[in-house]
Amino acid sequence: MLAAKVMHAPDIVAELCWSDDPGYTAGYIASPCLGYVRFPLLKPLGECRGGRAFFVNANVDLDRLYRYLEKQVVLIDRVGRMLPDERWSA
């Protein structure tokens, strides 16, 4: 749900997210043009660092974006496009 909200935020190009849960290795990238792409092995098992990176347009109004992300209530009324898990080979 959070990825859906972020994808509809003003001036968002994409979001990269991975969990800080050491037992959860998955992460995702989401963007309005790609949808939601999950990566099941984005980090090693046991790693407790996680985070989010927001990619925005160059002329972003940060105050407007912050207000939307922090305060705007949204209603999700349907499931969007979800692509199958991506597997990377080393």
PDB file of N, CA and C in Angstrom:
ATOM      1  N   MET A   1       0.810  -1.184   0.000  1.00  0.00           N
ATOM      2  CA  MET A   1       0.000   0.000   0.000  1.00  0.00           C
ATOM      3  C   MET A   1       0.861   1.258   0.000  1.00  0.00           C
ATOM      4  N   LEU A   2       1.935   1.195   0.781  1.00  0.00           N
ATOM      5  CA  LEU A   2       2.807   2.366   0.827  1.00  0.00           C
ATOM      6  C   LEU A   2       3.449   2.627  -0.534  1.00  0.00           C
ATOM      7  N   ALA A   3       3.863   1.566  -1.227  1.00  0.00           N
ATOM      8  CA  ALA A   3       4.452   1.741  -2.560  1.00  0.00           C
ATOM      9  C   ALA A   3       3.439   2.362  -3.511  1.00  0.00           C
ATOM     10  N   ALA A   4       2.177   1.971  -3.416  1.00  0.00           N
ATOM     11  CA  ALA A   4       1.139   2.546  -4.284  1.00  0.00           C
ATOM     12  C   ALA A   4       0.980   4.034  -4.001  1.00  0.00           C
ATOM     13  N   LYS A   5       0.988   4.407  -2.743  1.00  0.00           N
ATOM     14  CA  LYS A   5       0.872   5.826  -2.401  1.00  0.00           C
ATOM     15  C   LYS A   5       2.065   6.604  -2.941  1.00  0.00           C
ATOM     16  N   VAL A   6       3.259   6.079  -2.731  1.00  0.00           N
ATOM     17  CA  VAL A   6       4.468   6.771  -3.190  1.00  0.00           C
ATOM     18  C   VAL A   6       4.453   6.927  -4.709  1.00  0.00           C
ATOM     19  N   MET A   7       4.034   5.894  -5.442  1.00  0.00           N
ATOM     20  CA  MET A   7       4.015   5.978  -6.913  1.00  0.00           C
ATOM     21  C   MET A   7       3.078   7.062  -7.419  1.00  0.00           C
ATOM     22  N   HIS A   8       2.095   7.430  -6.624  1.00  0.00           N
ATOM     23  CA  HIS A   8       1.152   8.464  -7.041  1.00  0.00           C
ATOM     24  C   HIS A   8       1.490   9.833  -6.470  1.00  0.00           C
ATOM     25  N   ALA A   9       2.588   9.917  -5.754  1.00  0.00           N
ATOM     26  CA  ALA A   9       3.007  11.191  -5.173  1.00  0.00           C
ATOM     27  C   ALA A   9       3.503  12.128  -6.267  1.00  0.00           C
ATOM     28  N   PRO A  10       3.325  13.435  -6.066  1.00  0.00           N
ATOM     29  CA  PRO A  10       3.792  14.393  -7.064  1.00  0.00           C
ATOM     30  C   PRO A  10       5.314  14.341  -7.221  1.00  0.00           C
ATOM     31  N   ASP A  11       5.760  14.285  -8.463  1.00  0.00           N
ATOM     32  CA  ASP A  11       7.179  14.353  -8.833  1.00  0.00           C
ATOM     33  C   ASP A  11       8.001  13.120  -8.466  1.00  0.00           C
ATOM     34  N   ILE A  12       7.376  12.029  -8.053  1.00  0.00           N
ATOM     35  CA  ILE A  12       8.114  10.788  -7.800  1.00  0.00           C
ATOM     36  C   ILE A  12       8.394  10.094  -9.126  1.00  0.00           C
ATOM     37  N   VAL A  13       9.632   9.710  -9.336  1.00  0.00           N
ATOM     38  CA  VAL A  13      10.021   8.944 -10.525  1.00  0.00           C
ATOM     39  C   VAL A  13      10.072   7.454 -10.170  1.00  0.00           C
ATOM     40  N   ALA A  14      10.635   7.123  -9.001  1.00  0.00           N
ATOM     41  CA  ALA A  14      10.732   5.726  -8.563  1.00  0.00           C
ATOM     42  C   ALA A  14      11.068   5.685  -7.079  1.00  0.00           C
ATOM     43  N   GLU A  15      10.858   4.520  -6.501  1.00  0.00           N
ATOM     44  CA  GLU A  15      11.223   4.264  -5.114  1.00  0.00           C
ATOM     45  C   GLU A  15      11.956   2.929  -5.055  1.00  0.00           C
ATOM     46  N   LEU A  16      13.039   2.884  -4.297  1.00  0.00           N
ATOM     47  CA  LEU A  16      13.760   1.650  -4.017  1.00  0.00           C
ATOM     48  C   LEU A  16      13.637   1.407  -2.518  1.00  0.00           C
ATOM     49  N   CYS A  17      13.247   0.196  -2.133  1.00  0.00           N
ATOM     50  CA  CYS A  17      13.012  -0.082  -0.718  1.00  0.00           C
ATOM     51  C   CYS A  17      13.531  -1.462  -0.355  1.00  0.00           C
ATOM     52  N   TRP A  18      14.134  -1.573   0.830  1.00  0.00           N
ATOM     53  CA  TRP A  18      14.522  -2.872   1.369  1.00  0.00           C
ATOM     54  C   TRP A  18      14.334  -2.811   2.883  1.00  0.00           C
ATOM     55  N   SER A  19      13.952  -3.942   3.453  1.00  0.00           N
ATOM     56  CA  SER A  19      13.573  -4.028   4.854  1.00  0.00           C
ATOM     57  C   SER A  19      14.782  -3.994   5.781  1.00  0.00           C
ATOM     58  N   ASP A  20      14.558  -3.482   7.002  1.00  0.00           N
ATOM     59  CA  ASP A  20      15.599  -3.543   8.035  1.00  0.00           C
ATOM     60  C   ASP A  20      15.447  -4.787   8.902  1.00  0.00           C
ATOM     61  N   ASP A  21      14.512  -5.655   8.553  1.00  0.00           N
ATOM     62  CA  ASP A  21      14.325  -6.929   9.257  1.00  0.00           C
ATOM     63  C   ASP A  21      15.436  -7.890   8.819  1.00  0.00           C
ATOM     64  N   PRO A  22      16.287  -8.357   9.742  1.00  0.00           N
ATOM     65  CA  PRO A  22      17.407  -9.220   9.353  1.00  0.00           C
ATOM     66  C   PRO A  22      16.976 -10.563   8.746  1.00  0.00           C
ATOM     67  N   GLY A  23      15.744 -10.974   8.987  1.00  0.00           N
ATOM     68  CA  GLY A  23      15.255 -12.234   8.437  1.00  0.00           C
ATOM     69  C   GLY A  23      14.510 -12.081   7.125  1.00  0.00           C
ATOM     70  N   TYR A  24      14.418 -10.859   6.614  1.00  0.00           N
ATOM     71  CA  TYR A  24      13.665 -10.597   5.380  1.00  0.00           C
ATOM     72  C   TYR A  24      14.620 -10.037   4.335  1.00  0.00           C
ATOM     73  N   THR A  25      14.887 -10.782   3.298  1.00  0.00           N
ATOM     74  CA  THR A  25      15.910 -10.406   2.313  1.00  0.00           C
ATOM     75  C   THR A  25      15.350  -9.666   1.106  1.00  0.00           C
ATOM     76  N   ALA A  26      14.042  -9.607   0.976  1.00  0.00           N
ATOM     77  CA  ALA A  26      13.428  -9.023  -0.220  1.00  0.00           C
ATOM     78  C   ALA A  26      13.436  -7.501  -0.178  1.00  0.00           C
ATOM     79  N   GLY A  27      13.267  -6.931  -1.344  1.00  0.00           N
ATOM     80  CA  GLY A  27      13.104  -5.503  -1.514  1.00  0.00           C
ATOM     81  C   GLY A  27      12.334  -5.278  -2.800  1.00  0.00           C
ATOM     82  N   TYR A  28      12.133  -4.023  -3.152  1.00  0.00           N
ATOM     83  CA  TYR A  28      11.401  -3.743  -4.386  1.00  0.00           C
ATOM     84  C   TYR A  28      11.806  -2.403  -4.968  1.00  0.00           C
ATOM     85  N   ILE A  29      11.501  -2.254  -6.211  1.00  0.00           N
ATOM     86  CA  ILE A  29      11.531  -0.960  -6.875  1.00  0.00           C
ATOM     87  C   ILE A  29      10.133  -0.744  -7.421  1.00  0.00           C
ATOM     88  N   ALA A  30       9.650   0.471  -7.297  1.00  0.00           N
ATOM     89  CA  ALA A  30       8.320   0.798  -7.787  1.00  0.00           C
ATOM     90  C   ALA A  30       8.384   2.129  -8.515  1.00  0.00           C
ATOM     91  N   SER A  31       7.673   2.213  -9.613  1.00  0.00           N
ATOM     92  CA  SER A  31       7.587   3.463 -10.352  1.00  0.00           C
ATOM     93  C   SER A  31       6.285   3.468 -11.145  1.00  0.00           C
ATOM     94  N   PRO A  32       5.806   4.656 -11.485  1.00  0.00           N
ATOM     95  CA  PRO A  32       4.572   4.720 -12.258  1.00  0.00           C
ATOM     96  C   PRO A  32       4.664   3.973 -13.597  1.00  0.00           C
ATOM     97  N   CYS A  33       5.833   3.952 -14.217  1.00  0.00           N
ATOM     98  CA  CYS A  33       5.941   3.286 -15.526  1.00  0.00           C
ATOM     99  C   CYS A  33       6.240   1.792 -15.416  1.00  0.00           C
ATOM    100  N   LEU A  34       6.916   1.351 -14.348  1.00  0.00           N
ATOM    101  CA  LEU A  34       7.257  -0.065 -14.184  1.00  0.00           C
ATOM    102  C   LEU A  34       6.272  -0.830 -13.324  1.00  0.00           C
ATOM    103  N   GLY A  35       5.563  -0.138 -12.455  1.00  0.00           N
ATOM    104  CA  GLY A  35       4.741  -0.812 -11.469  1.00  0.00           C
ATOM    105  C   GLY A  35       5.610  -1.235 -10.303  1.00  0.00           C
ATOM    106  N   TYR A  36       5.286  -2.370  -9.708  1.00  0.00           N
ATOM    107  CA  TYR A  36       5.964  -2.869  -8.517  1.00  0.00           C
ATOM    108  C   TYR A  36       6.773  -4.088  -8.915  1.00  0.00           C
ATOM    109  N   VAL A  37       8.090  -4.036  -8.715  1.00  0.00           N
ATOM    110  CA  VAL A  37       8.970  -5.151  -9.060  1.00  0.00           C
ATOM    111  C   VAL A  37       9.670  -5.592  -7.780  1.00  0.00           C
ATOM    112  N   ARG A  38       9.410  -6.819  -7.359  1.00  0.00           N
ATOM    113  CA  ARG A  38       9.961  -7.356  -6.118  1.00  0.00           C
ATOM    114  C   ARG A  38      11.242  -8.138  -6.423  1.00  0.00           C
ATOM    115  N   PHE A  39      12.241  -7.947  -5.570  1.00  0.00           N
ATOM    116  CA  PHE A  39      13.496  -8.682  -5.654  1.00  0.00           C
ATOM    117  C   PHE A  39      13.602  -9.539  -4.395  1.00  0.00           C
ATOM    118  N   PRO A  40      13.495 -10.866  -4.491  1.00  0.00           N
ATOM    119  CA  PRO A  40      13.467 -11.704  -3.295  1.00  0.00           C
ATOM    120  C   PRO A  40      14.792 -11.746  -2.529  1.00  0.00           C
ATOM    121  N   LEU A  41      15.894 -11.470  -3.174  1.00  0.00           N
ATOM    122  CA  LEU A  41      17.204 -11.531  -2.512  1.00  0.00           C
ATOM    123  C   LEU A  41      17.960 -10.225  -2.725  1.00  0.00           C
ATOM    124  N   LEU A  42      17.438  -9.149  -2.190  1.00  0.00           N
ATOM    125  CA  LEU A  42      18.073  -7.845  -2.376  1.00  0.00           C
ATOM    126  C   LEU A  42      19.227  -7.630  -1.398  1.00  0.00           C
ATOM    127  N   LYS A  43      19.213  -8.342  -0.281  1.00  0.00           N
ATOM    128  CA  LYS A  43      20.274  -8.201   0.719  1.00  0.00           C
ATOM    129  C   LYS A  43      20.547  -9.558   1.344  1.00  0.00           C
ATOM    130  N   PRO A  44      21.706  -9.726   1.973  1.00  0.00           N
ATOM    131  CA  PRO A  44      22.017 -11.015   2.599  1.00  0.00           C
ATOM    132  C   PRO A  44      21.180 -11.266   3.852  1.00  0.00           C
ATOM    133  N   LEU A  45      20.874 -12.510   4.103  1.00  0.00           N
ATOM    134  CA  LEU A  45      20.171 -12.913   5.316  1.00  0.00           C
ATOM    135  C   LEU A  45      21.006 -12.500   6.524  1.00  0.00           C
ATOM    136  N   GLY A  46      20.369 -11.901   7.515  1.00  0.00           N
ATOM    137  CA  GLY A  46      21.062 -11.443   8.714  1.00  0.00           C
ATOM    138  C   GLY A  46      21.405  -9.967   8.701  1.00  0.00           C
ATOM    139  N   GLU A  47      21.330  -9.328   7.538  1.00  0.00           N
ATOM    140  CA  GLU A  47      21.638  -7.896   7.433  1.00  0.00           C
ATOM    141  C   GLU A  47      20.483  -7.097   8.047  1.00  0.00           C
ATOM    142  N   CYS A  48      20.802  -6.229   9.006  1.00  0.00           N
ATOM    143  CA  CYS A  48      19.745  -5.471   9.676  1.00  0.00           C
ATOM    144  C   CYS A  48      19.570  -4.059   9.117  1.00  0.00           C
ATOM    145  N   ARG A  49      20.396  -3.680   8.150  1.00  0.00           N
ATOM    146  CA  ARG A  49      20.218  -2.353   7.550  1.00  0.00           C
ATOM    147  C   ARG A  49      19.154  -2.411   6.469  1.00  0.00           C
ATOM    148  N   GLY A  50      18.381  -1.364   6.367  1.00  0.00           N
ATOM    149  CA  GLY A  50      17.359  -1.249   5.336  1.00  0.00           C
ATOM    150  C   GLY A  50      17.108   0.226   5.066  1.00  0.00           C
ATOM    151  N   GLY A  51      16.224   0.507   4.164  1.00  0.00           N
ATOM    152  CA  GLY A  51      15.920   1.905   3.896  1.00  0.00           C
ATOM    153  C   GLY A  51      15.089   2.084   2.640  1.00  0.00           C
ATOM    154  N   ARG A  52      14.881   3.332   2.325  1.00  0.00           N
ATOM    155  CA  ARG A  52      14.142   3.725   1.125  1.00  0.00           C
ATOM    156  C   ARG A  52      14.920   4.820   0.416  1.00  0.00           C
ATOM    157  N   ALA A  53      14.883   4.771  -0.885  1.00  0.00           N
ATOM    158  CA  ALA A  53      15.436   5.848  -1.698  1.00  0.00           C
ATOM    159  C   ALA A  53      14.322   6.314  -2.621  1.00  0.00           C
ATOM    160  N   PHE A  54      14.043   7.601  -2.592  1.00  0.00           N
ATOM    161  CA  PHE A  54      13.032   8.193  -3.464  1.00  0.00           C
ATOM    162  C   PHE A  54      13.747   8.937  -4.586  1.00  0.00           C
ATOM    163  N   PHE A  55      13.391   8.644  -5.797  1.00  0.00           N
ATOM    164  CA  PHE A  55      13.933   9.320  -6.966  1.00  0.00           C
ATOM    165  C   PHE A  55      12.855  10.285  -7.456  1.00  0.00           C
ATOM    166  N   VAL A  56      13.226  11.557  -7.566  1.00  0.00           N
ATOM    167  CA  VAL A  56      12.244  12.601  -7.871  1.00  0.00           C
ATOM    168  C   VAL A  56      12.673  13.412  -9.084  1.00  0.00           C
ATOM    169  N   ASN A  57      11.710  14.112  -9.666  1.00  0.00           N
ATOM    170  CA  ASN A  57      12.003  15.033 -10.766  1.00  0.00           C
ATOM    171  C   ASN A  57      12.931  16.138 -10.279  1.00  0.00           C
ATOM    172  N   ALA A  58      13.701  16.694 -11.192  1.00  0.00           N
ATOM    173  CA  ALA A  58      14.681  17.729 -10.846  1.00  0.00           C
ATOM    174  C   ALA A  58      14.028  18.974 -10.259  1.00  0.00           C
ATOM    175  N   ASN A  59      12.837  19.316 -10.688  1.00  0.00           N
ATOM    176  CA  ASN A  59      12.183  20.541 -10.231  1.00  0.00           C
ATOM    177  C   ASN A  59      11.129  20.267  -9.159  1.00  0.00           C
ATOM    178  N   VAL A  60      11.333  19.249  -8.342  1.00  0.00           N
ATOM    179  CA  VAL A  60      10.369  18.830  -7.332  1.00  0.00           C
ATOM    180  C   VAL A  60      10.102  19.941  -6.313  1.00  0.00           C
ATOM    181  N   ASP A  61       8.860  20.090  -5.935  1.00  0.00           N
ATOM    182  CA  ASP A  61       8.464  20.968  -4.833  1.00  0.00           C
ATOM    183  C   ASP A  61       8.483  20.093  -3.578  1.00  0.00           C
ATOM    184  N   LEU A  62       9.581  20.139  -2.828  1.00  0.00           N
ATOM    185  CA  LEU A  62       9.757  19.244  -1.688  1.00  0.00           C
ATOM    186  C   LEU A  62       8.709  19.439  -0.608  1.00  0.00           C
ATOM    187  N   ASP A  63       8.292  20.661  -0.363  1.00  0.00           N
ATOM    188  CA  ASP A  63       7.249  20.888   0.646  1.00  0.00           C
ATOM    189  C   ASP A  63       5.950  20.187   0.245  1.00  0.00           C
ATOM    190  N   ARG A  64       5.579  20.304  -1.010  1.00  0.00           N
ATOM    191  CA  ARG A  64       4.369  19.639  -1.512  1.00  0.00           C
ATOM    192  C   ARG A  64       4.513  18.119  -1.399  1.00  0.00           C
ATOM    193  N   LEU A  65       5.670  17.586  -1.777  1.00  0.00           N
ATOM    194  CA  LEU A  65       5.907  16.147  -1.704  1.00  0.00           C
ATOM    195  C   LEU A  65       5.859  15.659  -0.259  1.00  0.00           C
ATOM    196  N   TYR A  66       6.517  16.353   0.665  1.00  0.00           N
ATOM    197  CA  TYR A  66       6.480  15.970   2.074  1.00  0.00           C
ATOM    198  C   TYR A  66       5.052  15.961   2.612  1.00  0.00           C
ATOM    199  N   ARG A  67       4.293  17.024   2.295  1.00  0.00           N
ATOM    200  CA  ARG A  67       2.899  17.080   2.762  1.00  0.00           C
ATOM    201  C   ARG A  67       2.114  15.870   2.267  1.00  0.00           C
ATOM    202  N   TYR A  68       2.297  15.531   0.989  1.00  0.00           N
ATOM    203  CA  TYR A  68       1.571  14.388   0.435  1.00  0.00           C
ATOM    204  C   TYR A  68       1.975  13.094   1.141  1.00  0.00           C
ATOM    205  N   LEU A  69       3.271  12.844   1.243  1.00  0.00           N
ATOM    206  CA  LEU A  69       3.742  11.583   1.825  1.00  0.00           C
ATOM    207  C   LEU A  69       3.404  11.465   3.309  1.00  0.00           C
ATOM    208  N   GLU A  70       3.483  12.556   4.039  1.00  0.00           N
ATOM    209  CA  GLU A  70       3.274  12.496   5.480  1.00  0.00           C
ATOM    210  C   GLU A  70       1.828  12.687   5.920  1.00  0.00           C
ATOM    211  N   LYS A  71       1.035  13.442   5.176  1.00  0.00           N
ATOM    212  CA  LYS A  71      -0.284  13.837   5.664  1.00  0.00           C
ATOM    213  C   LYS A  71      -1.465  13.393   4.801  1.00  0.00           C
ATOM    214  N   GLN A  72      -1.249  13.197   3.516  1.00  0.00           N
ATOM    215  CA  GLN A  72      -2.359  12.916   2.604  1.00  0.00           C
ATOM    216  C   GLN A  72      -2.930  11.522   2.827  1.00  0.00           C
ATOM    217  N   VAL A  73      -4.224  11.451   3.069  1.00  0.00           N
ATOM    218  CA  VAL A  73      -4.918  10.171   3.180  1.00  0.00           C
ATOM    219  C   VAL A  73      -5.237   9.691   1.768  1.00  0.00           C
ATOM    220  N   VAL A  74      -4.997   8.412   1.499  1.00  0.00           N
ATOM    221  CA  VAL A  74      -5.331   7.855   0.185  1.00  0.00           C
ATOM    222  C   VAL A  74      -6.171   6.588   0.374  1.00  0.00           C
ATOM    223  N   LEU A  75      -6.987   6.301  -0.611  1.00  0.00           N
ATOM    224  CA  LEU A  75      -7.797   5.092  -0.619  1.00  0.00           C
ATOM    225  C   LEU A  75      -7.328   4.232  -1.781  1.00  0.00           C
ATOM    226  N   ILE A  76      -6.858   3.036  -1.484  1.00  0.00           N
ATOM    227  CA  ILE A  76      -6.435   2.083  -2.509  1.00  0.00           C
ATOM    228  C   ILE A  76      -7.654   1.219  -2.816  1.00  0.00           C
ATOM    229  N   ASP A  77      -8.119   1.267  -4.058  1.00  0.00           N
ATOM    230  CA  ASP A  77      -9.355   0.542  -4.384  1.00  0.00           C
ATOM    231  C   ASP A  77      -9.169  -0.568  -5.413  1.00  0.00           C
ATOM    232  N   ARG A  78      -7.917  -0.816  -5.816  1.00  0.00           N
ATOM    233  CA  ARG A  78      -7.667  -1.923  -6.743  1.00  0.00           C
ATOM    234  C   ARG A  78      -6.193  -2.294  -6.699  1.00  0.00           C
ATOM    235  N   VAL A  79      -5.903  -3.508  -7.170  1.00  0.00           N
ATOM    236  CA  VAL A  79      -4.519  -3.976  -7.244  1.00  0.00           C
ATOM    237  C   VAL A  79      -3.948  -3.534  -8.584  1.00  0.00           C
ATOM    238  N   GLY A  80      -2.787  -2.916  -8.542  1.00  0.00           N
ATOM    239  CA  GLY A  80      -2.122  -2.481  -9.767  1.00  0.00           C
ATOM    240  C   GLY A  80      -1.256  -3.584 -10.345  1.00  0.00           C
ATOM    241  N   ARG A  81      -0.401  -3.186 -11.270  1.00  0.00           N
ATOM    242  CA  ARG A  81       0.466  -4.138 -11.952  1.00  0.00           C
ATOM    243  C   ARG A  81       1.595  -4.591 -11.036  1.00  0.00           C
ATOM    244  N   MET A  82       1.723  -5.893 -10.845  1.00  0.00           N
ATOM    245  CA  MET A  82       2.837  -6.479 -10.098  1.00  0.00           C
ATOM    246  C   MET A  82       3.530  -7.462 -11.012  1.00  0.00           C
ATOM    247  N   LEU A  83       4.808  -7.260 -11.207  1.00  0.00           N
ATOM    248  CA  LEU A  83       5.582  -8.149 -12.057  1.00  0.00           C
ATOM    249  C   LEU A  83       6.109  -9.311 -11.229  1.00  0.00           C
ATOM    250  N   PRO A  84       6.437 -10.432 -11.868  1.00  0.00           N
ATOM    251  CA  PRO A  84       7.006 -11.552 -11.109  1.00  0.00           C
ATOM    252  C   PRO A  84       8.336 -11.184 -10.480  1.00  0.00           C
ATOM    253  N   ASP A  85       8.739 -11.945  -9.460  1.00  0.00           N
ATOM    254  CA  ASP A  85      10.042 -11.741  -8.832  1.00  0.00           C
ATOM    255  C   ASP A  85      11.139 -11.727  -9.876  1.00  0.00           C
ATOM    256  N   GLU A  86      12.096 -10.829  -9.693  1.00  0.00           N
ATOM    257  CA  GLU A  86      13.293 -10.786 -10.542  1.00  0.00           C
ATOM    258  C   GLU A  86      14.403 -11.528  -9.826  1.00  0.00           C
ATOM    259  N   ARG A  87      15.131 -12.345 -10.540  1.00  0.00           N
ATOM    260  CA  ARG A  87      16.277 -13.062  -9.971  1.00  0.00           C
ATOM    261  C   ARG A  87      17.540 -12.570 -10.662  1.00  0.00           C
ATOM    262  N   TRP A  88      18.504 -12.178  -9.876  1.00  0.00           N
ATOM    263  CA  TRP A  88      19.786 -11.730 -10.421  1.00  0.00           C
ATOM    264  C   TRP A  88      20.779 -12.871 -10.298  1.00  0.00           C
ATOM    265  N   SER A  89      21.586 -13.040 -11.297  1.00  0.00           N
ATOM    266  CA  SER A  89      22.649 -14.049 -11.199  1.00  0.00           C
ATOM    267  C   SER A  89      23.989 -13.337 -11.141  1.00  0.00           C
ATOM    268  N   ALA A  90      24.872 -13.865 -10.343  1.00  0.00           N
ATOM    269  CA  ALA A  90      26.187 -13.235 -10.166  1.00  0.00           C
ATOM    270  C   ALA A  90      27.180 -13.787 -11.162  1.00  0.00           C
TER     271      ALA A  90
END
